Amino acid sequence: MRTSPTRLKLGQPPVRLLAVVLGILCVITVILSLSVGSTGFEPLLSLGSDPVAAQILWDVRAPRTVGALLTGGLLGLAGAVAQGLFRNPLADPFLLGSASGASLGVAVLLVGFGVSPVATQWLIKLGLTGAAFIGAVLAVLLTLSLARGVQQTLRLLLAGVIVGVVLGALTSLLSLTRPDILQAMQAFMLGSTAFVSWSACAIMAIVWLACTATGIAFARGLDGLALGEATATSMGLPVSTLRAVLIATLTLASGTAVAHTGLIAFVGLASPHLVRAIVHTRHAWLLPLASLMGALLLSLADLFARGLLAPQELPVGVLTALLGGGYLMWLMNRRGVTRD
């Protein structure tokens, strides 16, 4: 009985150290990101003497940099929640169909309002974010309806796959009937932080705080679910209520991220794996660490997307898919993460 507290004490310093290291790396990445523009790398201190450069720094680079951090944090948190909720290391934030729903919402709005330069500018500022978020939420509600609640994990997973396939097919059908929206849809599905504003950063920050607080508050429940539903029930945990709260948290985090930056793959899937590869800890620490790891990964990907071929910019979703997919392929081959 005396060994458990000792193990916990011995395990805490590496976890805290990892949090500090991730935080420092995020700060360094932010400084580098603020120094990279369409002309390549520019020392941050030299930008303060030029009023135009300072305005670009504050109005364009700064919100984009903060937006990348917050989006990555939301996806990393959502990924950790999804993997704990479904007890599956390959679960990602979009498992319940939120990505397909967001894409369909954007496609419907583009078809309805057209993609003229004026309409596109207005839609980007006001409409696309709301359409993507509403589409993501409605897709998850449809998944829950098909699954008849949150009681059966397998039924939820199957319903999420079905909803994702059907809504994805509808999005493709709309895009084929209206070829003029293909470019806008491609930009959304590849992901970008280019249109993030300070108001979007404020919304994402509020959602991140709320979701992180909720996740940490229900971390013990996630630990119980990891041991199996029967064990969680024997521990006195309200499994149905716990699942409902966690699904709401997962939906809010992933829907908010997708609504503001489009579909960015593998950040939510890879972040918890990277944390677990470094430290072994419970969900009370895993959730914020995965969020920090996601923020760092997306910030680095956005930095490389802007800097590698400046002034041309790569879609950040392509880089995250290549890097995250490559890492997970290596991890599956080395450790066999698909084993029970």
C-alpha atoms as a PDB file:
ATOM      1  CA  MET A   1       0.000   0.000   0.000  1.00  0.00           C
ATOM      2  CA  ARG A   2       2.951   2.361   0.543  1.00  0.00           C
ATOM      3  CA  THR A   3       4.393   1.929  -2.928  1.00  0.00           C
ATOM      4  CA  SER A   4       1.640   3.757  -4.820  1.00  0.00           C
ATOM      5  CA  PRO A   5       2.216   7.252  -3.290  1.00  0.00           C
ATOM      6  CA  THR A   6       5.964   6.812  -3.783  1.00  0.00           C
ATOM      7  CA  ARG A   7       5.469   6.013  -7.440  1.00  0.00           C
ATOM      8  CA  LEU A   8       3.253   9.018  -7.866  1.00  0.00           C
ATOM      9  CA  LYS A   9       5.841  11.287  -6.283  1.00  0.00           C
ATOM     10  CA  LEU A  10       8.597   9.863  -8.440  1.00  0.00           C
ATOM     11  CA  GLY A  11       6.437  10.271 -11.529  1.00  0.00           C
ATOM     12  CA  GLN A  12       5.467  13.898 -11.010  1.00  0.00           C
ATOM     13  CA  PRO A  13       8.814  15.710 -11.670  1.00  0.00           C
ATOM     14  CA  PRO A  14       9.209  14.366 -15.254  1.00  0.00           C
ATOM     15  CA  VAL A  15       5.605  15.319 -16.012  1.00  0.00           C
ATOM     16  CA  ARG A  16       6.099  18.859 -14.727  1.00  0.00           C
ATOM     17  CA  LEU A  17       9.432  19.064 -16.513  1.00  0.00           C
ATOM     18  CA  LEU A  18       7.768  18.072 -19.781  1.00  0.00           C
ATOM     19  CA  ALA A  19       5.133  20.778 -19.276  1.00  0.00           C
ATOM     20  CA  VAL A  20       7.869  23.385 -18.726  1.00  0.00           C
ATOM     21  CA  VAL A  21       9.866  22.204 -21.755  1.00  0.00           C
ATOM     22  CA  LEU A  22       6.781  22.255 -24.000  1.00  0.00           C
ATOM     23  CA  GLY A  23       5.913  25.733 -22.757  1.00  0.00           C
ATOM     24  CA  ILE A  24       9.431  27.019 -23.494  1.00  0.00           C
ATOM     25  CA  LEU A  25       9.400  25.453 -26.957  1.00  0.00           C
ATOM     26  CA  CYS A  26       6.030  27.085 -27.660  1.00  0.00           C
ATOM     27  CA  VAL A  27       7.439  30.498 -26.701  1.00  0.00           C
ATOM     28  CA  ILE A  28      10.479  29.984 -28.969  1.00  0.00           C
ATOM     29  CA  THR A  29       8.201  28.902 -31.821  1.00  0.00           C
ATOM     30  CA  VAL A  30       6.021  31.989 -31.324  1.00  0.00           C
ATOM     31  CA  ILE A  31       9.062  34.280 -31.568  1.00  0.00           C
ATOM     32  CA  LEU A  32      10.240  32.544 -34.735  1.00  0.00           C
ATOM     33  CA  SER A  33       6.744  32.580 -36.221  1.00  0.00           C
ATOM     34  CA  LEU A  34       6.405  36.318 -35.662  1.00  0.00           C
ATOM     35  CA  SER A  35       9.684  36.780 -37.544  1.00  0.00           C
ATOM     36  CA  VAL A  36       8.611  34.880 -40.685  1.00  0.00           C
ATOM     37  CA  GLY A  37       6.636  36.660 -43.399  1.00  0.00           C
ATOM     38  CA  SER A  38       6.160  36.642 -47.150  1.00  0.00           C
ATOM     39  CA  THR A  39       9.763  37.776 -47.651  1.00  0.00           C
ATOM     40  CA  GLY A  40      11.202  35.086 -45.414  1.00  0.00           C
ATOM     41  CA  PHE A  41      12.860  35.511 -42.027  1.00  0.00           C
ATOM     42  CA  GLU A  42      13.074  39.023 -40.601  1.00  0.00           C
ATOM     43  CA  PRO A  43      14.506  39.741 -37.125  1.00  0.00           C
ATOM     44  CA  LEU A  44      11.642  40.621 -34.824  1.00  0.00           C
ATOM     45  CA  LEU A  45      13.413  43.630 -33.297  1.00  0.00           C
ATOM     46  CA  SER A  46      13.933  45.238 -36.689  1.00  0.00           C
ATOM     47  CA  LEU A  47      10.187  45.312 -37.375  1.00  0.00           C
ATOM     48  CA  GLY A  48       9.400  47.731 -34.561  1.00  0.00           C
ATOM     49  CA  SER A  49      11.096  50.692 -36.300  1.00  0.00           C
ATOM     50  CA  ASP A  50       8.841  50.458 -39.369  1.00  0.00           C
ATOM     51  CA  PRO A  51       5.194  51.478 -38.719  1.00  0.00           C
ATOM     52  CA  VAL A  52       3.901  49.455 -41.690  1.00  0.00           C
ATOM     53  CA  ALA A  53       5.860  46.366 -40.641  1.00  0.00           C
ATOM     54  CA  ALA A  54       4.655  46.792 -37.064  1.00  0.00           C
ATOM     55  CA  GLN A  55       1.046  46.944 -38.243  1.00  0.00           C
ATOM     56  CA  ILE A  56       1.515  43.794 -40.340  1.00  0.00           C
ATOM     57  CA  LEU A  57       3.102  42.120 -37.343  1.00  0.00           C
ATOM     58  CA  TRP A  58       0.188  42.985 -35.052  1.00  0.00           C
ATOM     59  CA  ASP A  59      -2.728  42.569 -37.477  1.00  0.00           C
ATOM     60  CA  VAL A  60      -1.563  39.573 -39.520  1.00  0.00           C
ATOM     61  CA  ARG A  61       1.299  37.566 -38.029  1.00  0.00           C
ATOM     62  CA  ALA A  62       0.389  37.840 -34.353  1.00  0.00           C
ATOM     63  CA  PRO A  63      -3.238  36.611 -34.597  1.00  0.00           C
ATOM     64  CA  ARG A  64      -2.152  33.875 -36.989  1.00  0.00           C
ATOM     65  CA  THR A  65       0.559  32.732 -34.588  1.00  0.00           C
ATOM     66  CA  VAL A  66      -1.754  32.773 -31.577  1.00  0.00           C
ATOM     67  CA  GLY A  67      -4.475  31.088 -33.644  1.00  0.00           C
ATOM     68  CA  ALA A  68      -2.119  28.252 -34.579  1.00  0.00           C
ATOM     69  CA  LEU A  69      -1.274  27.731 -30.907  1.00  0.00           C
ATOM     70  CA  LEU A  70      -4.935  27.689 -29.858  1.00  0.00           C
ATOM     71  CA  THR A  71      -6.058  25.459 -32.722  1.00  0.00           C
ATOM     72  CA  GLY A  72      -3.318  22.968 -31.976  1.00  0.00           C
ATOM     73  CA  GLY A  73      -4.181  23.103 -28.295  1.00  0.00           C
ATOM     74  CA  LEU A  74      -7.850  22.395 -29.004  1.00  0.00           C
ATOM     75  CA  LEU A  75      -7.037  19.501 -31.344  1.00  0.00           C
ATOM     76  CA  GLY A  76      -4.502  17.976 -28.954  1.00  0.00           C
ATOM     77  CA  LEU A  77      -6.981  18.171 -26.082  1.00  0.00           C
ATOM     78  CA  ALA A  78      -9.792  16.732 -28.216  1.00  0.00           C
ATOM     79  CA  GLY A  79      -7.536  13.893 -29.365  1.00  0.00           C
ATOM     80  CA  ALA A  80      -6.643  12.927 -25.800  1.00  0.00           C
ATOM     81  CA  VAL A  81     -10.314  12.987 -24.800  1.00  0.00           C
ATOM     82  CA  ALA A  82     -11.314  10.880 -27.818  1.00  0.00           C
ATOM     83  CA  GLN A  83      -8.647   8.253 -27.200  1.00  0.00           C
ATOM     84  CA  GLY A  84      -9.573   7.991 -23.537  1.00  0.00           C
ATOM     85  CA  LEU A  85     -13.299   7.963 -24.203  1.00  0.00           C
ATOM     86  CA  PHE A  86     -13.184   5.244 -26.871  1.00  0.00           C
ATOM     87  CA  ARG A  87     -10.224   3.373 -25.341  1.00  0.00           C
ATOM     88  CA  ASN A  88      -8.618   3.383 -28.770  1.00  0.00           C
ATOM     89  CA  PRO A  89      -5.140   4.837 -29.426  1.00  0.00           C
ATOM     90  CA  LEU A  90      -6.095   5.509 -33.053  1.00  0.00           C
ATOM     91  CA  ALA A  91      -9.144   7.619 -32.211  1.00  0.00           C
ATOM     92  CA  ASP A  92      -8.973  11.203 -33.437  1.00  0.00           C
ATOM     93  CA  PRO A  93     -11.080  14.333 -32.741  1.00  0.00           C
ATOM     94  CA  PHE A  94     -13.119  13.849 -35.922  1.00  0.00           C
ATOM     95  CA  LEU A  95     -14.230  10.298 -35.176  1.00  0.00           C
ATOM     96  CA  LEU A  96     -17.875  11.261 -34.636  1.00  0.00           C
ATOM     97  CA  GLY A  97     -18.243  12.939 -38.022  1.00  0.00           C
ATOM     98  CA  SER A  98     -17.509  16.545 -37.063  1.00  0.00           C
ATOM     99  CA  ALA A  99     -15.021  17.046 -39.911  1.00  0.00           C
ATOM    100  CA  SER A 100     -17.439  15.817 -42.574  1.00  0.00           C
ATOM    101  CA  GLY A 101     -20.228  17.909 -41.074  1.00  0.00           C
ATOM    102  CA  ALA A 102     -18.055  21.022 -41.088  1.00  0.00           C
ATOM    103  CA  SER A 103     -17.084  20.443 -44.723  1.00  0.00           C
ATOM    104  CA  LEU A 104     -20.714  19.991 -45.728  1.00  0.00           C
ATOM    105  CA  GLY A 105     -21.707  23.165 -43.876  1.00  0.00           C
ATOM    106  CA  VAL A 106     -19.069  25.144 -45.749  1.00  0.00           C
ATOM    107  CA  ALA A 107     -20.075  23.595 -49.092  1.00  0.00           C
ATOM    108  CA  VAL A 108     -23.756  24.406 -48.531  1.00  0.00           C
ATOM    109  CA  LEU A 109     -22.931  28.011 -47.677  1.00  0.00           C
ATOM    110  CA  LEU A 110     -20.655  28.433 -50.693  1.00  0.00           C
ATOM    111  CA  VAL A 111     -23.296  26.989 -52.988  1.00  0.00           C
ATOM    112  CA  GLY A 112     -25.970  29.213 -51.484  1.00  0.00           C
ATOM    113  CA  PHE A 113     -24.027  32.502 -51.643  1.00  0.00           C
ATOM    114  CA  GLY A 114     -21.596  31.904 -54.479  1.00  0.00           C
ATOM    115  CA  VAL A 115     -17.865  32.583 -54.546  1.00  0.00           C
ATOM    116  CA  SER A 116     -17.517  36.023 -56.098  1.00  0.00           C
ATOM    117  CA  PRO A 117     -14.642  38.052 -54.599  1.00  0.00           C
ATOM    118  CA  VAL A 118     -17.005  40.179 -52.495  1.00  0.00           C
ATOM    119  CA  ALA A 119     -19.065  37.228 -51.333  1.00  0.00           C
ATOM    120  CA  THR A 120     -15.977  35.163 -50.550  1.00  0.00           C
ATOM    121  CA  GLN A 121     -14.467  37.933 -48.424  1.00  0.00           C
ATOM    122  CA  TRP A 122     -17.711  38.324 -46.491  1.00  0.00           C
ATOM    123  CA  LEU A 123     -18.141  34.586 -46.090  1.00  0.00           C
ATOM    124  CA  ILE A 124     -14.620  34.135 -44.793  1.00  0.00           C
ATOM    125  CA  LYS A 125     -15.096  36.852 -42.200  1.00  0.00           C
ATOM    126  CA  LEU A 126     -18.607  36.020 -41.052  1.00  0.00           C
ATOM    127  CA  GLY A 127     -20.178  32.961 -42.613  1.00  0.00           C
ATOM    128  CA  LEU A 128     -17.741  30.103 -43.076  1.00  0.00           C
ATOM    129  CA  THR A 129     -16.817  29.873 -39.416  1.00  0.00           C
ATOM    130  CA  GLY A 130     -20.430  29.639 -38.302  1.00  0.00           C
ATOM    131  CA  ALA A 131     -21.380  27.213 -41.084  1.00  0.00           C
ATOM    132  CA  ALA A 132     -18.475  24.906 -40.277  1.00  0.00           C
ATOM    133  CA  PHE A 133     -19.221  24.914 -36.554  1.00  0.00           C
ATOM    134  CA  ILE A 134     -22.945  24.305 -37.029  1.00  0.00           C
ATOM    135  CA  GLY A 135     -22.211  21.541 -39.518  1.00  0.00           C
ATOM    136  CA  ALA A 136     -19.803  19.864 -37.089  1.00  0.00           C
ATOM    137  CA  VAL A 137     -22.286  20.000 -34.210  1.00  0.00           C
ATOM    138  CA  LEU A 138     -25.197  18.727 -36.333  1.00  0.00           C
ATOM    139  CA  ALA A 139     -23.057  15.849 -37.600  1.00  0.00           C
ATOM    140  CA  VAL A 140     -22.242  14.764 -34.050  1.00  0.00           C
ATOM    141  CA  LEU A 141     -25.920  15.036 -33.079  1.00  0.00           C
ATOM    142  CA  LEU A 142     -26.797  12.843 -36.070  1.00  0.00           C
ATOM    143  CA  THR A 143     -24.172  10.336 -34.927  1.00  0.00           C
ATOM    144  CA  LEU A 144     -25.650  10.276 -31.429  1.00  0.00           C
ATOM    145  CA  SER A 145     -29.116   9.826 -32.883  1.00  0.00           C
ATOM    146  CA  LEU A 146     -28.024   6.856 -34.976  1.00  0.00           C
ATOM    147  CA  ALA A 147     -26.181   5.372 -32.011  1.00  0.00           C
ATOM    148  CA  ARG A 148     -29.295   5.872 -29.844  1.00  0.00           C
ATOM    149  CA  GLY A 149     -27.403   7.703 -27.156  1.00  0.00           C
ATOM    150  CA  VAL A 150     -23.987   7.292 -25.611  1.00  0.00           C
ATOM    151  CA  GLN A 151     -24.392   3.900 -23.969  1.00  0.00           C
ATOM    152  CA  GLN A 152     -22.557   1.681 -26.482  1.00  0.00           C
ATOM    153  CA  THR A 153     -19.040   2.603 -27.576  1.00  0.00           C
ATOM    154  CA  LEU A 154     -18.987   0.316 -30.612  1.00  0.00           C
ATOM    155  CA  ARG A 155     -22.320   1.667 -31.851  1.00  0.00           C
ATOM    156  CA  LEU A 156     -21.021   5.226 -31.493  1.00  0.00           C
ATOM    157  CA  LEU A 157     -17.926   4.407 -33.532  1.00  0.00           C
ATOM    158  CA  LEU A 158     -19.920   2.738 -36.293  1.00  0.00           C
ATOM    159  CA  ALA A 159     -22.407   5.612 -36.396  1.00  0.00           C
ATOM    160  CA  GLY A 160     -19.546   8.114 -36.633  1.00  0.00           C
ATOM    161  CA  VAL A 161     -18.010   6.252 -39.567  1.00  0.00           C
ATOM    162  CA  ILE A 162     -21.366   6.061 -41.380  1.00  0.00           C
ATOM    163  CA  VAL A 163     -22.129   9.749 -40.836  1.00  0.00           C
ATOM    164  CA  GLY A 164     -18.644  10.718 -41.989  1.00  0.00           C
ATOM    165  CA  VAL A 165     -18.935   8.701 -45.211  1.00  0.00           C
ATOM    166  CA  VAL A 166     -22.444   9.935 -46.066  1.00  0.00           C
ATOM    167  CA  LEU A 167     -21.741  13.606 -45.342  1.00  0.00           C
ATOM    168  CA  GLY A 168     -18.442  13.382 -47.197  1.00  0.00           C
ATOM    169  CA  ALA A 169     -20.261  12.004 -50.228  1.00  0.00           C
ATOM    170  CA  LEU A 170     -22.794  14.852 -50.081  1.00  0.00           C
ATOM    171  CA  THR A 171     -19.951  17.386 -49.921  1.00  0.00           C
ATOM    172  CA  SER A 172     -18.313  15.808 -52.970  1.00  0.00           C
ATOM    173  CA  LEU A 173     -21.639  15.837 -54.819  1.00  0.00           C
ATOM    174  CA  LEU A 174     -22.136  19.553 -54.119  1.00  0.00           C
ATOM    175  CA  SER A 175     -18.603  20.314 -55.241  1.00  0.00           C
ATOM    176  CA  LEU A 176     -19.113  18.424 -58.509  1.00  0.00           C
ATOM    177  CA  THR A 177     -22.373  20.212 -59.271  1.00  0.00           C
ATOM    178  CA  ARG A 178     -20.755  23.585 -58.576  1.00  0.00           C
ATOM    179  CA  PRO A 179     -17.134  23.462 -59.815  1.00  0.00           C
ATOM    180  CA  ASP A 180     -16.678  27.132 -58.924  1.00  0.00           C
ATOM    181  CA  ILE A 181     -16.511  26.241 -55.222  1.00  0.00           C
ATOM    182  CA  LEU A 182     -13.781  23.605 -55.643  1.00  0.00           C
ATOM    183  CA  GLN A 183     -10.902  25.984 -54.917  1.00  0.00           C
ATOM    184  CA  ALA A 184     -12.540  27.357 -51.778  1.00  0.00           C
ATOM    185  CA  MET A 185     -13.417  23.841 -50.597  1.00  0.00           C
ATOM    186  CA  GLN A 186      -9.888  22.646 -51.230  1.00  0.00           C
ATOM    187  CA  ALA A 187      -8.486  25.501 -49.147  1.00  0.00           C
ATOM    188  CA  PHE A 188     -10.830  24.589 -46.284  1.00  0.00           C
ATOM    189  CA  MET A 189     -10.107  20.850 -46.434  1.00  0.00           C
ATOM    190  CA  LEU A 190      -6.327  21.376 -46.521  1.00  0.00           C
ATOM    191  CA  GLY A 191      -6.462  23.713 -43.501  1.00  0.00           C
ATOM    192  CA  SER A 192      -5.023  27.176 -43.060  1.00  0.00           C
ATOM    193  CA  THR A 193      -4.387  29.655 -40.259  1.00  0.00           C
ATOM    194  CA  ALA A 194      -4.176  32.587 -42.694  1.00  0.00           C
ATOM    195  CA  PHE A 195      -7.638  33.977 -41.913  1.00  0.00           C
ATOM    196  CA  VAL A 196      -7.521  33.816 -38.107  1.00  0.00           C
ATOM    197  CA  SER A 197      -8.343  37.173 -36.504  1.00  0.00           C
ATOM    198  CA  TRP A 198      -8.047  38.446 -32.955  1.00  0.00           C
ATOM    199  CA  SER A 199     -11.778  37.880 -32.404  1.00  0.00           C
ATOM    200  CA  ALA A 200     -11.334  34.267 -33.514  1.00  0.00           C
ATOM    201  CA  CYS A 201      -8.412  33.920 -31.109  1.00  0.00           C
ATOM    202  CA  ALA A 202     -10.587  35.205 -28.271  1.00  0.00           C
ATOM    203  CA  ILE A 203     -13.314  32.674 -29.066  1.00  0.00           C
ATOM    204  CA  MET A 204     -10.829  29.804 -29.290  1.00  0.00           C
ATOM    205  CA  ALA A 205      -9.150  30.858 -26.040  1.00  0.00           C
ATOM    206  CA  ILE A 206     -12.468  30.847 -24.172  1.00  0.00           C
ATOM    207  CA  VAL A 207     -13.410  27.453 -25.613  1.00  0.00           C
ATOM    208  CA  TRP A 208      -9.964  26.044 -24.811  1.00  0.00           C
ATOM    209  CA  LEU A 209     -10.192  27.186 -21.196  1.00  0.00           C
ATOM    210  CA  ALA A 210     -13.692  25.741 -20.810  1.00  0.00           C
ATOM    211  CA  CYS A 211     -12.817  22.413 -22.450  1.00  0.00           C
ATOM    212  CA  THR A 212      -9.545  22.034 -20.558  1.00  0.00           C
ATOM    213  CA  ALA A 213     -11.234  22.745 -17.231  1.00  0.00           C
ATOM    214  CA  THR A 214     -14.008  20.259 -18.032  1.00  0.00           C
ATOM    215  CA  GLY A 215     -11.547  17.611 -19.179  1.00  0.00           C
ATOM    216  CA  ILE A 216      -9.422  17.925 -16.041  1.00  0.00           C
ATOM    217  CA  ALA A 217     -12.538  17.873 -13.856  1.00  0.00           C
ATOM    218  CA  PHE A 218     -13.592  14.575 -15.461  1.00  0.00           C
ATOM    219  CA  ALA A 219     -10.075  13.137 -15.727  1.00  0.00           C
ATOM    220  CA  ARG A 220     -10.783  10.547 -13.043  1.00  0.00           C
ATOM    221  CA  GLY A 221     -13.715   9.347 -15.125  1.00  0.00           C
ATOM    222  CA  LEU A 222     -11.441   8.929 -18.159  1.00  0.00           C
ATOM    223  CA  ASP A 223      -9.027   6.926 -16.006  1.00  0.00           C
ATOM    224  CA  GLY A 224     -11.934   4.714 -14.973  1.00  0.00           C
ATOM    225  CA  LEU A 225     -13.138   4.234 -18.559  1.00  0.00           C
ATOM    226  CA  ALA A 226      -9.624   3.203 -19.561  1.00  0.00           C
ATOM    227  CA  LEU A 227     -10.013   0.202 -17.241  1.00  0.00           C
ATOM    228  CA  GLY A 228     -13.280  -0.842 -18.865  1.00  0.00           C
ATOM    229  CA  GLU A 229     -16.930   0.070 -18.492  1.00  0.00           C
ATOM    230  CA  ALA A 230     -17.594  -2.586 -15.867  1.00  0.00           C
ATOM    231  CA  THR A 231     -14.707  -1.331 -13.746  1.00  0.00           C
ATOM    232  CA  ALA A 232     -15.833   2.275 -14.162  1.00  0.00           C
ATOM    233  CA  THR A 233     -19.342   1.353 -13.048  1.00  0.00           C
ATOM    234  CA  SER A 234     -17.992  -0.572 -10.045  1.00  0.00           C
ATOM    235  CA  MET A 235     -16.049   2.565  -9.077  1.00  0.00           C
ATOM    236  CA  GLY A 236     -19.360   4.415  -8.811  1.00  0.00           C
ATOM    237  CA  LEU A 237     -18.834   6.509 -11.947  1.00  0.00           C
ATOM    238  CA  PRO A 238     -21.978   7.599 -13.856  1.00  0.00           C
ATOM    239  CA  VAL A 239     -20.785   6.207 -17.179  1.00  0.00           C
ATOM    240  CA  SER A 240     -23.611   7.593 -19.368  1.00  0.00           C
ATOM    241  CA  THR A 241     -23.353  11.093 -17.911  1.00  0.00           C
ATOM    242  CA  LEU A 242     -19.577  10.957 -18.132  1.00  0.00           C
ATOM    243  CA  ARG A 243     -19.691   9.994 -21.800  1.00  0.00           C
ATOM    244  CA  ALA A 244     -22.210  12.713 -22.612  1.00  0.00           C
ATOM    245  CA  VAL A 245     -20.040  15.410 -21.011  1.00  0.00           C
ATOM    246  CA  LEU A 246     -16.880  14.147 -22.690  1.00  0.00           C
ATOM    247  CA  ILE A 247     -18.563  13.943 -26.106  1.00  0.00           C
ATOM    248  CA  ALA A 248     -19.815  17.514 -25.654  1.00  0.00           C
ATOM    249  CA  THR A 249     -16.278  18.623 -24.739  1.00  0.00           C
ATOM    250  CA  LEU A 250     -14.807  16.751 -27.704  1.00  0.00           C
ATOM    251  CA  THR A 251     -17.364  18.241 -30.092  1.00  0.00           C
ATOM    252  CA  LEU A 252     -16.935  21.800 -28.839  1.00  0.00           C
ATOM    253  CA  ALA A 253     -13.122  21.647 -29.014  1.00  0.00           C
ATOM    254  CA  SER A 254     -12.873  20.003 -32.434  1.00  0.00           C
ATOM    255  CA  GLY A 255     -15.772  21.994 -33.919  1.00  0.00           C
ATOM    256  CA  THR A 256     -14.263  25.311 -32.831  1.00  0.00           C
ATOM    257  CA  ALA A 257     -10.855  24.380 -34.245  1.00  0.00           C
ATOM    258  CA  VAL A 258     -12.254  23.208 -37.577  1.00  0.00           C
ATOM    259  CA  ALA A 259     -14.523  26.238 -37.890  1.00  0.00           C
ATOM    260  CA  HIS A 260     -11.611  28.680 -37.723  1.00  0.00           C
ATOM    261  CA  THR A 261      -8.802  26.869 -39.548  1.00  0.00           C
ATOM    262  CA  GLY A 262     -10.382  24.101 -41.635  1.00  0.00           C
ATOM    263  CA  LEU A 263      -9.461  20.420 -41.521  1.00  0.00           C
ATOM    264  CA  ILE A 264      -5.996  19.890 -40.060  1.00  0.00           C
ATOM    265  CA  ALA A 265      -5.165  16.216 -39.840  1.00  0.00           C
ATOM    266  CA  PHE A 266      -3.116  14.170 -37.383  1.00  0.00           C
ATOM    267  CA  VAL A 267      -2.420  16.877 -34.787  1.00  0.00           C
ATOM    268  CA  GLY A 268      -5.144  15.553 -32.487  1.00  0.00           C
ATOM    269  CA  LEU A 269      -4.151  11.961 -33.206  1.00  0.00           C
ATOM    270  CA  ALA A 270      -0.383  12.309 -32.788  1.00  0.00           C
ATOM    271  CA  SER A 271      -0.200  14.689 -29.806  1.00  0.00           C
ATOM    272  CA  PRO A 272      -1.346  12.223 -27.092  1.00  0.00           C
ATOM    273  CA  HIS A 273       0.954   9.551 -28.552  1.00  0.00           C
ATOM    274  CA  LEU A 274       3.964  11.851 -28.373  1.00  0.00           C
ATOM    275  CA  VAL A 275       3.181  12.664 -24.735  1.00  0.00           C
ATOM    276  CA  ARG A 276       2.771   8.983 -23.828  1.00  0.00           C
ATOM    277  CA  ALA A 277       6.045   8.177 -25.580  1.00  0.00           C
ATOM    278  CA  ILE A 278       7.822  10.554 -23.185  1.00  0.00           C
ATOM    279  CA  VAL A 279       5.964  10.094 -19.885  1.00  0.00           C
ATOM    280  CA  HIS A 280       3.358   7.772 -18.410  1.00  0.00           C
ATOM    281  CA  THR A 281       0.706   9.695 -16.567  1.00  0.00           C
ATOM    282  CA  ARG A 282      -2.994   9.869 -15.852  1.00  0.00           C
ATOM    283  CA  HIS A 283      -5.494  11.982 -17.760  1.00  0.00           C
ATOM    284  CA  ALA A 284      -5.314  14.864 -15.278  1.00  0.00           C
ATOM    285  CA  TRP A 285      -1.826  15.534 -16.686  1.00  0.00           C
ATOM    286  CA  LEU A 286      -2.234  13.896 -20.094  1.00  0.00           C
ATOM    287  CA  LEU A 287      -4.963  16.309 -21.242  1.00  0.00           C
ATOM    288  CA  PRO A 288      -3.048  19.586 -20.700  1.00  0.00           C
ATOM    289  CA  LEU A 289       0.206  18.013 -21.914  1.00  0.00           C
ATOM    290  CA  ALA A 290      -1.448  16.761 -25.106  1.00  0.00           C
ATOM    291  CA  SER A 291      -2.903  20.235 -25.573  1.00  0.00           C
ATOM    292  CA  LEU A 292       0.547  21.812 -25.218  1.00  0.00           C
ATOM    293  CA  MET A 293       2.013  19.239 -27.586  1.00  0.00           C
ATOM    294  CA  GLY A 294      -0.709  19.966 -30.148  1.00  0.00           C
ATOM    295  CA  ALA A 295      -0.050  23.701 -29.865  1.00  0.00           C
ATOM    296  CA  LEU A 296       3.656  23.126 -30.457  1.00  0.00           C
ATOM    297  CA  LEU A 297       3.118  20.764 -33.404  1.00  0.00           C
ATOM    298  CA  LEU A 298       0.710  23.029 -35.270  1.00  0.00           C
ATOM    299  CA  SER A 299       2.812  26.135 -34.568  1.00  0.00           C
ATOM    300  CA  LEU A 300       5.889  24.416 -35.992  1.00  0.00           C
ATOM    301  CA  ALA A 301       3.933  23.150 -39.002  1.00  0.00           C
ATOM    302  CA  ASP A 302       2.552  26.630 -39.659  1.00  0.00           C
ATOM    303  CA  LEU A 303       6.038  28.110 -39.330  1.00  0.00           C
ATOM    304  CA  PHE A 304       7.447  25.678 -41.906  1.00  0.00           C
ATOM    305  CA  ALA A 305       4.415  26.126 -44.172  1.00  0.00           C
ATOM    306  CA  ARG A 306       5.144  29.843 -44.399  1.00  0.00           C
ATOM    307  CA  GLY A 307       8.920  29.757 -44.385  1.00  0.00           C
ATOM    308  CA  LEU A 308       9.972  26.827 -46.571  1.00  0.00           C
ATOM    309  CA  LEU A 309       8.927  28.285 -49.934  1.00  0.00           C
ATOM    310  CA  ALA A 310       8.388  31.964 -49.053  1.00  0.00           C
ATOM    311  CA  PRO A 311       6.694  33.986 -50.494  1.00  0.00           C
ATOM    312  CA  GLN A 312       4.669  30.939 -51.595  1.00  0.00           C
ATOM    313  CA  GLU A 313       2.804  29.227 -48.752  1.00  0.00           C
ATOM    314  CA  LEU A 314       2.175  25.515 -48.286  1.00  0.00           C
ATOM    315  CA  PRO A 315      -1.149  24.282 -46.841  1.00  0.00           C
ATOM    316  CA  VAL A 316      -0.459  23.562 -43.191  1.00  0.00           C
ATOM    317  CA  GLY A 317      -2.759  20.525 -43.282  1.00  0.00           C
ATOM    318  CA  VAL A 318      -0.498  18.877 -45.853  1.00  0.00           C
ATOM    319  CA  LEU A 319       2.543  19.207 -43.595  1.00  0.00           C
ATOM    320  CA  THR A 320       0.715  17.906 -40.508  1.00  0.00           C
ATOM    321  CA  ALA A 321      -0.612  14.940 -42.512  1.00  0.00           C
ATOM    322  CA  LEU A 322       2.829  14.059 -43.859  1.00  0.00           C
ATOM    323  CA  LEU A 323       4.657  14.482 -40.552  1.00  0.00           C
ATOM    324  CA  GLY A 324       1.943  13.052 -38.321  1.00  0.00           C
ATOM    325  CA  GLY A 325       1.150  10.182 -40.653  1.00  0.00           C
ATOM    326  CA  GLY A 326       4.816   9.299 -41.016  1.00  0.00           C
ATOM    327  CA  TYR A 327       5.309   9.305 -37.250  1.00  0.00           C
ATOM    328  CA  LEU A 328       2.264   7.109 -36.635  1.00  0.00           C
ATOM    329  CA  MET A 329       3.343   4.642 -39.336  1.00  0.00           C
ATOM    330  CA  TRP A 330       6.701   4.352 -37.604  1.00  0.00           C
ATOM    331  CA  LEU A 331       5.034   4.047 -34.202  1.00  0.00           C
ATOM    332  CA  MET A 332       2.653   1.311 -35.371  1.00  0.00           C
ATOM    333  CA  ASN A 333       5.507  -0.653 -36.867  1.00  0.00           C
ATOM    334  CA  ARG A 334       7.691  -0.258 -33.765  1.00  0.00           C
ATOM    335  CA  ARG A 335       5.226  -0.644 -30.905  1.00  0.00           C
ATOM    336  CA  GLY A 336       2.080  -2.121 -32.383  1.00  0.00           C
ATOM    337  CA  VAL A 337      -0.350   0.517 -31.095  1.00  0.00           C
ATOM    338  CA  THR A 338      -3.307  -1.383 -32.544  1.00  0.00           C
ATOM    339  CA  ARG A 339      -2.911  -4.201 -30.059  1.00  0.00           C
ATOM    340  CA  ASP A 340      -5.358  -4.394 -27.196  1.00  0.00           C
END
